[in-house]
Amino acid sequence: MKKSLHSKFEIRLAFERNTENPSRLFKSFAEMIDGINSLDFIIAESVNTKVKSKIVLDDIEKGSLIGRFWNELVVSEDGQIDNSPANEKIEEYIEESRAESFKFLAERKHTVNDLEKLKEKISEIAVSKDLPETFNYAEPDTLKLAEAINKINDSTNKLSETESFELKSPNNEVKDIKSGTIKIDIEDVENALTDNEIINETEVYYLIKKPDFLGDSAWSFKHGNKAVSVKILDQEWLDKFLSGQIPVVPGDSLQVKIKQTSKYNRNGYLIAEKTEIIEVINVIHNQ
């Protein structure tokens, strides 16, 4: 049996009339919708991992840019322990947790300690709704929560100093979500969760799909049937490539030495991994 929930909310984007480059406002608005959808999914996932989410436009109003939406969340009851709680309790949990996450941004919080306090607050909300008693409730994944909040934060990048978002729901209202808030440092979150770090170095061959001609981002490769994106740290080789001394095109392969860093929490669960090319040994041209 599945449970269908409707979580209603309103997004208001305040801006001055006759503003220039108005398309950026609509792009920002769309990114905010996507960010909220990601956040709602992570919150609902803490109640039950088998959840599906989609946002539906209910109404739009002129003046300020105002959209009214409801997020339809379909929760499987496979993980249910006892009697299922009323829909209202889960909807209230999602609404209140969403509001707390937006307050996090409105108050310009960004540290790992701030994030832990937000998680504690969300857990308190779940307990107040008796959710842990009826489902296999687990606190929201810390990294996923941080990434969702950063995604919402990113949606404000195109706003000017006088523009801001406001989020309303039946029982909550959060104002002054503006640009300029420092993002949560994902690497700091990973390090705070890490109990054991394993570093390995090995040699592999990567088939080039897309080189990085700017020298400051990752290259796109194929390793067997797997697509990978890896940054090259061998600056001496990069300088020769960027100056045209080493011709490389898609379809060629690189023989490289890579460093693989894996981070595990105290339960031995992999929370993050990173691969970097520390040395380019040889170029194999496609024949």
C-alpha atoms as a PDB file:
ATOM      1  CA  MET A   1       0.000   0.000   0.000  1.00  0.00           C
ATOM      2  CA  LYS A   2       1.253   3.484  -0.844  1.00  0.00           C
ATOM      3  CA  LYS A   3       0.636   6.808   0.859  1.00  0.00           C
ATOM      4  CA  SER A   4       0.198   9.949  -1.269  1.00  0.00           C
ATOM      5  CA  LEU A   5       0.941  13.273   0.430  1.00  0.00           C
ATOM      6  CA  HIS A   6       0.440  16.839  -0.742  1.00  0.00           C
ATOM      7  CA  SER A   7       2.783  19.433   0.765  1.00  0.00           C
ATOM      8  CA  LYS A   8       1.671  22.925  -0.260  1.00  0.00           C
ATOM      9  CA  PHE A   9       3.953  25.945  -0.397  1.00  0.00           C
ATOM     10  CA  GLU A  10       4.305  29.355  -2.033  1.00  0.00           C
ATOM     11  CA  ILE A  11       7.455  30.956  -3.441  1.00  0.00           C
ATOM     12  CA  ARG A  12       7.601  34.733  -3.743  1.00  0.00           C
ATOM     13  CA  LEU A  13      10.442  36.513  -5.519  1.00  0.00           C
ATOM     14  CA  ALA A  14      10.542  40.198  -4.601  1.00  0.00           C
ATOM     15  CA  PHE A  15      12.117  42.504  -7.197  1.00  0.00           C
ATOM     16  CA  GLU A  16      11.925  46.098  -8.368  1.00  0.00           C
ATOM     17  CA  ARG A  17       9.784  47.002 -11.360  1.00  0.00           C
ATOM     18  CA  ASN A  18      11.586  47.796 -14.622  1.00  0.00           C
ATOM     19  CA  THR A  19      14.458  45.578 -13.559  1.00  0.00           C
ATOM     20  CA  GLU A  20      17.038  44.783 -16.220  1.00  0.00           C
ATOM     21  CA  ASN A  21      17.799  41.316 -17.577  1.00  0.00           C
ATOM     22  CA  PRO A  22      14.504  39.840 -16.336  1.00  0.00           C
ATOM     23  CA  SER A  23      15.273  36.362 -17.689  1.00  0.00           C
ATOM     24  CA  ARG A  24      17.691  35.831 -14.783  1.00  0.00           C
ATOM     25  CA  LEU A  25      14.754  36.114 -12.360  1.00  0.00           C
ATOM     26  CA  PHE A  26      12.852  33.312 -14.066  1.00  0.00           C
ATOM     27  CA  LYS A  27      15.997  31.168 -14.180  1.00  0.00           C
ATOM     28  CA  SER A  28      16.532  31.790 -10.481  1.00  0.00           C
ATOM     29  CA  PHE A  29      12.881  30.955  -9.760  1.00  0.00           C
ATOM     30  CA  ALA A  30      13.155  27.667 -11.677  1.00  0.00           C
ATOM     31  CA  GLU A  31      16.349  26.740  -9.824  1.00  0.00           C
ATOM     32  CA  MET A  32      14.608  27.461  -6.514  1.00  0.00           C
ATOM     33  CA  ILE A  33      11.773  25.072  -7.440  1.00  0.00           C
ATOM     34  CA  ASP A  34      14.286  22.335  -8.249  1.00  0.00           C
ATOM     35  CA  GLY A  35      16.131  23.005  -4.995  1.00  0.00           C
ATOM     36  CA  ILE A  36      12.968  22.676  -2.928  1.00  0.00           C
ATOM     37  CA  ASN A  37      12.102  19.436  -4.688  1.00  0.00           C
ATOM     38  CA  SER A  38      15.532  18.005  -3.786  1.00  0.00           C
ATOM     39  CA  LEU A  39      15.169  19.128  -0.169  1.00  0.00           C
ATOM     40  CA  ASP A  40      11.648  17.704   0.204  1.00  0.00           C
ATOM     41  CA  PHE A  41      12.790  14.374  -1.221  1.00  0.00           C
ATOM     42  CA  ILE A  42      15.649  14.099   1.290  1.00  0.00           C
ATOM     43  CA  ILE A  43      13.350  14.980   4.197  1.00  0.00           C
ATOM     44  CA  ALA A  44      10.696  12.477   3.086  1.00  0.00           C
ATOM     45  CA  GLU A  45      13.395   9.849   2.521  1.00  0.00           C
ATOM     46  CA  SER A  46      14.210   9.989   6.230  1.00  0.00           C
ATOM     47  CA  VAL A  47      10.725   8.612   6.902  1.00  0.00           C
ATOM     48  CA  ASN A  48      10.919   5.966   4.194  1.00  0.00           C
ATOM     49  CA  THR A  49      13.620   5.317   1.612  1.00  0.00           C
ATOM     50  CA  LYS A  50      11.065   4.264  -1.011  1.00  0.00           C
ATOM     51  CA  VAL A  51       9.657   7.667  -1.844  1.00  0.00           C
ATOM     52  CA  LYS A  52       8.903   9.470  -5.093  1.00  0.00           C
ATOM     53  CA  SER A  53       8.540  13.227  -5.419  1.00  0.00           C
ATOM     54  CA  LYS A  54       7.172  15.670  -7.978  1.00  0.00           C
ATOM     55  CA  ILE A  55       6.243  19.353  -7.757  1.00  0.00           C
ATOM     56  CA  VAL A  56       3.010  20.574  -9.368  1.00  0.00           C
ATOM     57  CA  LEU A  57       2.228  24.214 -10.211  1.00  0.00           C
ATOM     58  CA  ASP A  58      -1.068  25.217  -8.625  1.00  0.00           C
ATOM     59  CA  ASP A  59      -1.233  28.939  -9.472  1.00  0.00           C
ATOM     60  CA  ILE A  60       0.918  31.903 -10.448  1.00  0.00           C
ATOM     61  CA  GLU A  61       0.288  35.537  -9.568  1.00  0.00           C
ATOM     62  CA  LYS A  62       1.597  38.752 -11.081  1.00  0.00           C
ATOM     63  CA  GLY A  63       3.047  41.682  -9.146  1.00  0.00           C
ATOM     64  CA  SER A  64       5.963  40.094  -7.449  1.00  0.00           C
ATOM     65  CA  LEU A  65       6.824  36.767  -9.039  1.00  0.00           C
ATOM     66  CA  ILE A  66       4.656  34.399  -6.995  1.00  0.00           C
ATOM     67  CA  GLY A  67       4.097  30.702  -7.592  1.00  0.00           C
ATOM     68  CA  ARG A  68       1.883  28.386  -5.582  1.00  0.00           C
ATOM     69  CA  PHE A  69       2.813  24.727  -5.652  1.00  0.00           C
ATOM     70  CA  TRP A  70       2.213  21.407  -4.027  1.00  0.00           C
ATOM     71  CA  ASN A  71       4.731  18.619  -3.819  1.00  0.00           C
ATOM     72  CA  GLU A  72       3.186  15.187  -4.320  1.00  0.00           C
ATOM     73  CA  LEU A  73       5.142  12.640  -2.307  1.00  0.00           C
ATOM     74  CA  VAL A  74       4.308   8.971  -2.737  1.00  0.00           C
ATOM     75  CA  VAL A  75       5.640   6.966   0.200  1.00  0.00           C
ATOM     76  CA  SER A  76       5.757   3.167   0.188  1.00  0.00           C
ATOM     77  CA  GLU A  77       4.730   1.560   3.479  1.00  0.00           C
ATOM     78  CA  ASP A  78       7.175  -1.350   3.115  1.00  0.00           C
ATOM     79  CA  GLY A  79       9.238   0.029   5.995  1.00  0.00           C
ATOM     80  CA  GLN A  80       6.257   0.537   8.289  1.00  0.00           C
ATOM     81  CA  ILE A  81       6.534  -0.896  11.802  1.00  0.00           C
ATOM     82  CA  ASP A  82       3.108  -0.335  13.353  1.00  0.00           C
ATOM     83  CA  ASN A  83       0.087   1.652  12.325  1.00  0.00           C
ATOM     84  CA  SER A  84       0.718   4.315   9.738  1.00  0.00           C
ATOM     85  CA  PRO A  85       0.605   7.872  11.087  1.00  0.00           C
ATOM     86  CA  ALA A  86      -1.948  10.263   9.706  1.00  0.00           C
ATOM     87  CA  ASN A  87      -0.972  11.971   6.478  1.00  0.00           C
ATOM     88  CA  GLU A  88      -1.107  15.290   8.285  1.00  0.00           C
ATOM     89  CA  LYS A  89       1.760  14.348  10.600  1.00  0.00           C
ATOM     90  CA  ILE A  90       4.105  13.507   7.737  1.00  0.00           C
ATOM     91  CA  GLU A  91       3.030  16.608   5.812  1.00  0.00           C
ATOM     92  CA  GLU A  92       3.661  18.759   8.897  1.00  0.00           C
ATOM     93  CA  TYR A  93       7.066  17.127   9.364  1.00  0.00           C
ATOM     94  CA  ILE A  94       8.047  17.943   5.774  1.00  0.00           C
ATOM     95  CA  GLU A  95       6.676  21.491   5.971  1.00  0.00           C
ATOM     96  CA  GLU A  96       8.352  22.327   9.289  1.00  0.00           C
ATOM     97  CA  SER A  97      11.664  20.720   8.303  1.00  0.00           C
ATOM     98  CA  ARG A  98      11.635  22.637   5.026  1.00  0.00           C
ATOM     99  CA  ALA A  99      10.993  25.876   6.907  1.00  0.00           C
ATOM    100  CA  GLU A 100      13.889  25.186   9.310  1.00  0.00           C
ATOM    101  CA  SER A 101      16.181  24.576   6.329  1.00  0.00           C
ATOM    102  CA  PHE A 102      15.160  27.895   4.800  1.00  0.00           C
ATOM    103  CA  LYS A 103      15.736  29.672   8.118  1.00  0.00           C
ATOM    104  CA  PHE A 104      19.242  28.192   7.992  1.00  0.00           C
ATOM    105  CA  LEU A 105      19.787  30.120   4.740  1.00  0.00           C
ATOM    106  CA  ALA A 106      17.926  33.269   5.786  1.00  0.00           C
ATOM    107  CA  GLU A 107      20.132  33.478   8.888  1.00  0.00           C
ATOM    108  CA  ARG A 108      23.205  32.970   6.643  1.00  0.00           C
ATOM    109  CA  LYS A 109      24.411  29.862   8.440  1.00  0.00           C
ATOM    110  CA  HIS A 110      26.916  27.612   6.702  1.00  0.00           C
ATOM    111  CA  THR A 111      29.236  25.799   9.142  1.00  0.00           C
ATOM    112  CA  VAL A 112      29.307  22.078   9.883  1.00  0.00           C
ATOM    113  CA  ASN A 113      28.212  22.854  13.445  1.00  0.00           C
ATOM    114  CA  ASP A 114      25.242  24.822  12.098  1.00  0.00           C
ATOM    115  CA  LEU A 115      24.339  21.870   9.882  1.00  0.00           C
ATOM    116  CA  GLU A 116      24.435  19.441  12.813  1.00  0.00           C
ATOM    117  CA  LYS A 117      22.092  21.710  14.777  1.00  0.00           C
ATOM    118  CA  LEU A 118      19.707  21.771  11.810  1.00  0.00           C
ATOM    119  CA  LYS A 119      19.715  17.967  11.711  1.00  0.00           C
ATOM    120  CA  GLU A 120      18.955  17.863  15.433  1.00  0.00           C
ATOM    121  CA  LYS A 121      16.052  20.263  14.923  1.00  0.00           C
ATOM    122  CA  ILE A 122      14.649  18.119  12.103  1.00  0.00           C
ATOM    123  CA  SER A 123      14.907  15.043  14.345  1.00  0.00           C
ATOM    124  CA  GLU A 124      13.040  16.888  17.109  1.00  0.00           C
ATOM    125  CA  ILE A 125      10.271  17.702  14.629  1.00  0.00           C
ATOM    126  CA  ALA A 126      10.048  14.016  13.635  1.00  0.00           C
ATOM    127  CA  VAL A 127       9.783  12.959  17.282  1.00  0.00           C
ATOM    128  CA  SER A 128       7.062  15.551  17.912  1.00  0.00           C
ATOM    129  CA  LYS A 129       5.059  13.939  15.081  1.00  0.00           C
ATOM    130  CA  ASP A 130       5.657  10.384  16.448  1.00  0.00           C
ATOM    131  CA  LEU A 131       7.246   9.318  13.161  1.00  0.00           C
ATOM    132  CA  PRO A 132      10.044   7.172  14.676  1.00  0.00           C
ATOM    133  CA  GLU A 133       7.380   5.024  16.362  1.00  0.00           C
ATOM    134  CA  THR A 134       5.688   3.963  13.140  1.00  0.00           C
ATOM    135  CA  PHE A 135       8.388   3.967  10.469  1.00  0.00           C
ATOM    136  CA  ASN A 136      12.083   3.127  10.269  1.00  0.00           C
ATOM    137  CA  TYR A 137      12.920   6.782  10.732  1.00  0.00           C
ATOM    138  CA  ALA A 138      16.535   7.821  10.268  1.00  0.00           C
ATOM    139  CA  GLU A 139      18.025  11.281  10.423  1.00  0.00           C
ATOM    140  CA  PRO A 140      18.421  12.888   6.985  1.00  0.00           C
ATOM    141  CA  ASP A 141      21.712  12.060   5.298  1.00  0.00           C
ATOM    142  CA  THR A 142      24.087  14.873   6.296  1.00  0.00           C
ATOM    143  CA  LEU A 143      25.848  15.161   2.944  1.00  0.00           C
ATOM    144  CA  LYS A 144      22.612  15.034   0.947  1.00  0.00           C
ATOM    145  CA  LEU A 145      21.077  17.680   3.212  1.00  0.00           C
ATOM    146  CA  ALA A 146      24.116  19.940   2.753  1.00  0.00           C
ATOM    147  CA  GLU A 147      24.019  19.496  -1.021  1.00  0.00           C
ATOM    148  CA  ALA A 148      20.287  20.278  -1.165  1.00  0.00           C
ATOM    149  CA  ILE A 149      20.750  23.451   0.890  1.00  0.00           C
ATOM    150  CA  ASN A 150      23.651  24.491  -1.346  1.00  0.00           C
ATOM    151  CA  LYS A 151      21.438  23.900  -4.387  1.00  0.00           C
ATOM    152  CA  ILE A 152      18.816  26.266  -2.961  1.00  0.00           C
ATOM    153  CA  ASN A 153      21.567  28.744  -2.096  1.00  0.00           C
ATOM    154  CA  ASP A 154      22.835  28.578  -5.692  1.00  0.00           C
ATOM    155  CA  SER A 155      19.407  29.646  -6.961  1.00  0.00           C
ATOM    156  CA  THR A 156      19.972  33.089  -5.404  1.00  0.00           C
ATOM    157  CA  ASN A 157      23.250  33.745  -7.250  1.00  0.00           C
ATOM    158  CA  LYS A 158      21.552  35.700 -10.033  1.00  0.00           C
ATOM    159  CA  LEU A 159      19.706  38.036  -7.634  1.00  0.00           C
ATOM    160  CA  SER A 160      20.737  41.606  -6.894  1.00  0.00           C
ATOM    161  CA  GLU A 161      21.133  42.991  -3.369  1.00  0.00           C
ATOM    162  CA  THR A 162      17.545  44.309  -3.368  1.00  0.00           C
ATOM    163  CA  GLU A 163      15.959  41.031  -4.505  1.00  0.00           C
ATOM    164  CA  SER A 164      15.024  38.109  -2.295  1.00  0.00           C
ATOM    165  CA  PHE A 165      12.936  34.964  -2.017  1.00  0.00           C
ATOM    166  CA  GLU A 166      10.199  34.291   0.492  1.00  0.00           C
ATOM    167  CA  LEU A 167       8.771  30.862   1.281  1.00  0.00           C
ATOM    168  CA  LYS A 168       5.267  30.407   2.659  1.00  0.00           C
ATOM    169  CA  SER A 169       3.443  27.258   3.696  1.00  0.00           C
ATOM    170  CA  PRO A 170       0.227  26.762   5.698  1.00  0.00           C
ATOM    171  CA  ASN A 171       1.923  27.232   9.085  1.00  0.00           C
ATOM    172  CA  ASN A 172       5.318  28.750   8.316  1.00  0.00           C
ATOM    173  CA  GLU A 173       6.833  31.770   6.614  1.00  0.00           C
ATOM    174  CA  VAL A 174      10.502  32.505   5.932  1.00  0.00           C
ATOM    175  CA  LYS A 175      11.675  35.788   4.401  1.00  0.00           C
ATOM    176  CA  ASP A 176      14.924  37.393   3.212  1.00  0.00           C
ATOM    177  CA  ILE A 177      16.525  34.489   1.386  1.00  0.00           C
ATOM    178  CA  LYS A 178      19.128  36.497  -0.513  1.00  0.00           C
ATOM    179  CA  SER A 179      22.286  36.103  -2.534  1.00  0.00           C
ATOM    180  CA  GLY A 180      25.696  36.272  -0.882  1.00  0.00           C
ATOM    181  CA  THR A 181      25.260  33.528   1.711  1.00  0.00           C
ATOM    182  CA  ILE A 182      28.378  31.386   2.068  1.00  0.00           C
ATOM    183  CA  LYS A 183      27.823  27.836   0.849  1.00  0.00           C
ATOM    184  CA  ILE A 184      28.320  24.847   3.110  1.00  0.00           C
ATOM    185  CA  ASP A 185      31.800  23.440   2.517  1.00  0.00           C
ATOM    186  CA  ILE A 186      31.073  19.876   1.396  1.00  0.00           C
ATOM    187  CA  GLU A 187      34.654  18.778   2.031  1.00  0.00           C
ATOM    188  CA  ASP A 188      34.388  20.037   5.630  1.00  0.00           C
ATOM    189  CA  VAL A 189      31.207  17.980   6.049  1.00  0.00           C
ATOM    190  CA  GLU A 190      32.934  14.907   4.622  1.00  0.00           C
ATOM    191  CA  ASN A 191      35.898  15.363   6.961  1.00  0.00           C
ATOM    192  CA  ALA A 192      33.618  15.747   9.977  1.00  0.00           C
ATOM    193  CA  LEU A 193      31.939  12.446   9.113  1.00  0.00           C
ATOM    194  CA  THR A 194      35.148  10.614   8.247  1.00  0.00           C
ATOM    195  CA  ASP A 195      36.491   8.052  10.695  1.00  0.00           C
ATOM    196  CA  ASN A 196      38.889   6.357   8.284  1.00  0.00           C
ATOM    197  CA  GLU A 197      40.545   7.542   5.069  1.00  0.00           C
ATOM    198  CA  ILE A 198      42.220   5.172   2.619  1.00  0.00           C
ATOM    199  CA  ILE A 199      44.496   6.461  -0.166  1.00  0.00           C
ATOM    200  CA  ASN A 200      45.652   4.252  -3.021  1.00  0.00           C
ATOM    201  CA  GLU A 201      47.811   4.986  -6.055  1.00  0.00           C
ATOM    202  CA  THR A 202      47.689   2.904  -9.228  1.00  0.00           C
ATOM    203  CA  GLU A 203      48.174   3.088 -12.999  1.00  0.00           C
ATOM    204  CA  VAL A 204      45.275   2.959 -15.460  1.00  0.00           C
ATOM    205  CA  TYR A 205      44.415   3.813 -19.049  1.00  0.00           C
ATOM    206  CA  TYR A 206      41.713   6.412 -19.680  1.00  0.00           C
ATOM    207  CA  LEU A 207      40.063   6.908 -23.084  1.00  0.00           C
ATOM    208  CA  ILE A 208      39.620  10.646 -23.716  1.00  0.00           C
ATOM    209  CA  LYS A 209      36.065  11.831 -24.411  1.00  0.00           C
ATOM    210  CA  LYS A 210      36.520  15.558 -23.790  1.00  0.00           C
ATOM    211  CA  PRO A 211      39.792  17.327 -22.897  1.00  0.00           C
ATOM    212  CA  ASP A 212      39.875  20.411 -20.677  1.00  0.00           C
ATOM    213  CA  PHE A 213      41.327  23.188 -22.809  1.00  0.00           C
ATOM    214  CA  LEU A 214      41.158  25.738 -19.976  1.00  0.00           C
ATOM    215  CA  GLY A 215      43.338  23.779 -17.593  1.00  0.00           C
ATOM    216  CA  ASP A 216      41.211  24.345 -14.501  1.00  0.00           C
ATOM    217  CA  SER A 217      38.505  21.682 -14.623  1.00  0.00           C
ATOM    218  CA  ALA A 218      38.099  17.931 -14.990  1.00  0.00           C
ATOM    219  CA  TRP A 219      38.576  15.906 -18.150  1.00  0.00           C
ATOM    220  CA  SER A 220      35.885  13.514 -19.392  1.00  0.00           C
ATOM    221  CA  PHE A 221      37.109   9.947 -19.912  1.00  0.00           C
ATOM    222  CA  LYS A 222      35.845   6.418 -20.382  1.00  0.00           C
ATOM    223  CA  HIS A 223      37.298   3.619 -18.280  1.00  0.00           C
ATOM    224  CA  GLY A 224      35.915   0.432 -19.765  1.00  0.00           C
ATOM    225  CA  ASN A 225      32.162   1.036 -20.021  1.00  0.00           C
ATOM    226  CA  LYS A 226      32.187   3.634 -17.241  1.00  0.00           C
ATOM    227  CA  ALA A 227      32.221   7.391 -17.883  1.00  0.00           C
ATOM    228  CA  VAL A 228      34.457   9.250 -15.432  1.00  0.00           C
ATOM    229  CA  SER A 229      35.354  12.879 -14.820  1.00  0.00           C
ATOM    230  CA  VAL A 230      38.854  13.339 -13.405  1.00  0.00           C
ATOM    231  CA  LYS A 231      41.069  16.362 -12.840  1.00  0.00           C
ATOM    232  CA  ILE A 232      44.719  16.266 -13.953  1.00  0.00           C
ATOM    233  CA  LEU A 233      47.149  17.581 -11.322  1.00  0.00           C
ATOM    234  CA  ASP A 234      50.313  16.985 -13.391  1.00  0.00           C
ATOM    235  CA  GLN A 235      50.994  20.686 -14.068  1.00  0.00           C
ATOM    236  CA  GLU A 236      54.143  20.103 -16.143  1.00  0.00           C
ATOM    237  CA  TRP A 237      52.233  17.871 -18.563  1.00  0.00           C
ATOM    238  CA  LEU A 238      49.242  20.257 -18.618  1.00  0.00           C
ATOM    239  CA  ASP A 239      51.485  23.204 -19.547  1.00  0.00           C
ATOM    240  CA  LYS A 240      52.875  21.254 -22.497  1.00  0.00           C
ATOM    241  CA  PHE A 241      49.376  20.200 -23.595  1.00  0.00           C
ATOM    242  CA  LEU A 242      47.934  23.720 -23.354  1.00  0.00           C
ATOM    243  CA  SER A 243      50.890  25.180 -25.285  1.00  0.00           C
ATOM    244  CA  GLY A 244      50.355  22.692 -28.109  1.00  0.00           C
ATOM    245  CA  GLN A 245      53.526  20.680 -27.488  1.00  0.00           C
ATOM    246  CA  ILE A 246      51.496  17.523 -26.812  1.00  0.00           C
ATOM    247  CA  PRO A 247      48.657  16.967 -29.315  1.00  0.00           C
ATOM    248  CA  VAL A 248      45.704  15.141 -27.793  1.00  0.00           C
ATOM    249  CA  VAL A 249      42.222  14.626 -29.273  1.00  0.00           C
ATOM    250  CA  PRO A 250      39.092  12.694 -28.258  1.00  0.00           C
ATOM    251  CA  GLY A 251      39.630   9.014 -28.983  1.00  0.00           C
ATOM    252  CA  ASP A 252      43.219   9.051 -27.758  1.00  0.00           C
ATOM    253  CA  SER A 253      44.066   7.414 -24.437  1.00  0.00           C
ATOM    254  CA  LEU A 254      46.218   8.475 -21.511  1.00  0.00           C
ATOM    255  CA  GLN A 255      48.321   6.133 -19.424  1.00  0.00           C
ATOM    256  CA  VAL A 256      48.200   7.770 -16.015  1.00  0.00           C
ATOM    257  CA  LYS A 257      48.974   7.332 -12.347  1.00  0.00           C
ATOM    258  CA  ILE A 258      45.915   8.103 -10.245  1.00  0.00           C
ATOM    259  CA  LYS A 259      45.356   8.776  -6.550  1.00  0.00           C
ATOM    260  CA  GLN A 260      42.097   7.411  -5.158  1.00  0.00           C
ATOM    261  CA  THR A 261      40.915   8.782  -1.815  1.00  0.00           C
ATOM    262  CA  SER A 262      38.070   6.963  -0.052  1.00  0.00           C
ATOM    263  CA  LYS A 263      36.453   8.297   3.124  1.00  0.00           C
ATOM    264  CA  TYR A 264      34.486   6.037   5.477  1.00  0.00           C
ATOM    265  CA  ASN A 265      32.380   6.789   8.530  1.00  0.00           C
ATOM    266  CA  ARG A 266      32.617   4.929  11.844  1.00  0.00           C
ATOM    267  CA  ASN A 267      30.331   2.171  10.518  1.00  0.00           C
ATOM    268  CA  GLY A 268      32.573   1.526   7.522  1.00  0.00           C
ATOM    269  CA  TYR A 269      30.123   3.175   5.135  1.00  0.00           C
ATOM    270  CA  LEU A 270      31.691   4.932   2.145  1.00  0.00           C
ATOM    271  CA  ILE A 271      30.694   8.599   2.356  1.00  0.00           C
ATOM    272  CA  ALA A 272      32.951  10.121  -0.303  1.00  0.00           C
ATOM    273  CA  GLU A 273      35.554   9.168  -2.852  1.00  0.00           C
ATOM    274  CA  LYS A 274      37.753  11.190  -5.172  1.00  0.00           C
ATOM    275  CA  THR A 275      40.048  10.244  -8.035  1.00  0.00           C
ATOM    276  CA  GLU A 276      42.827  12.535  -9.288  1.00  0.00           C
ATOM    277  CA  ILE A 277      45.481  12.092 -11.984  1.00  0.00           C
ATOM    278  CA  ILE A 278      48.827  12.852 -10.367  1.00  0.00           C
ATOM    279  CA  GLU A 279      51.022  11.914 -13.336  1.00  0.00           C
ATOM    280  CA  VAL A 280      50.480  11.490 -17.081  1.00  0.00           C
ATOM    281  CA  ILE A 281      52.868   8.742 -18.160  1.00  0.00           C
ATOM    282  CA  ASN A 282      52.091   8.389 -21.864  1.00  0.00           C
ATOM    283  CA  VAL A 283      49.691   9.342 -24.659  1.00  0.00           C
ATOM    284  CA  ILE A 284      48.343   6.554 -26.885  1.00  0.00           C
ATOM    285  CA  HIS A 285      47.026   8.021 -30.129  1.00  0.00           C
ATOM    286  CA  ASN A 286      44.022   6.367 -31.746  1.00  0.00           C
ATOM    287  CA  GLN A 287      44.994   4.494 -34.916  1.00  0.00           C
END
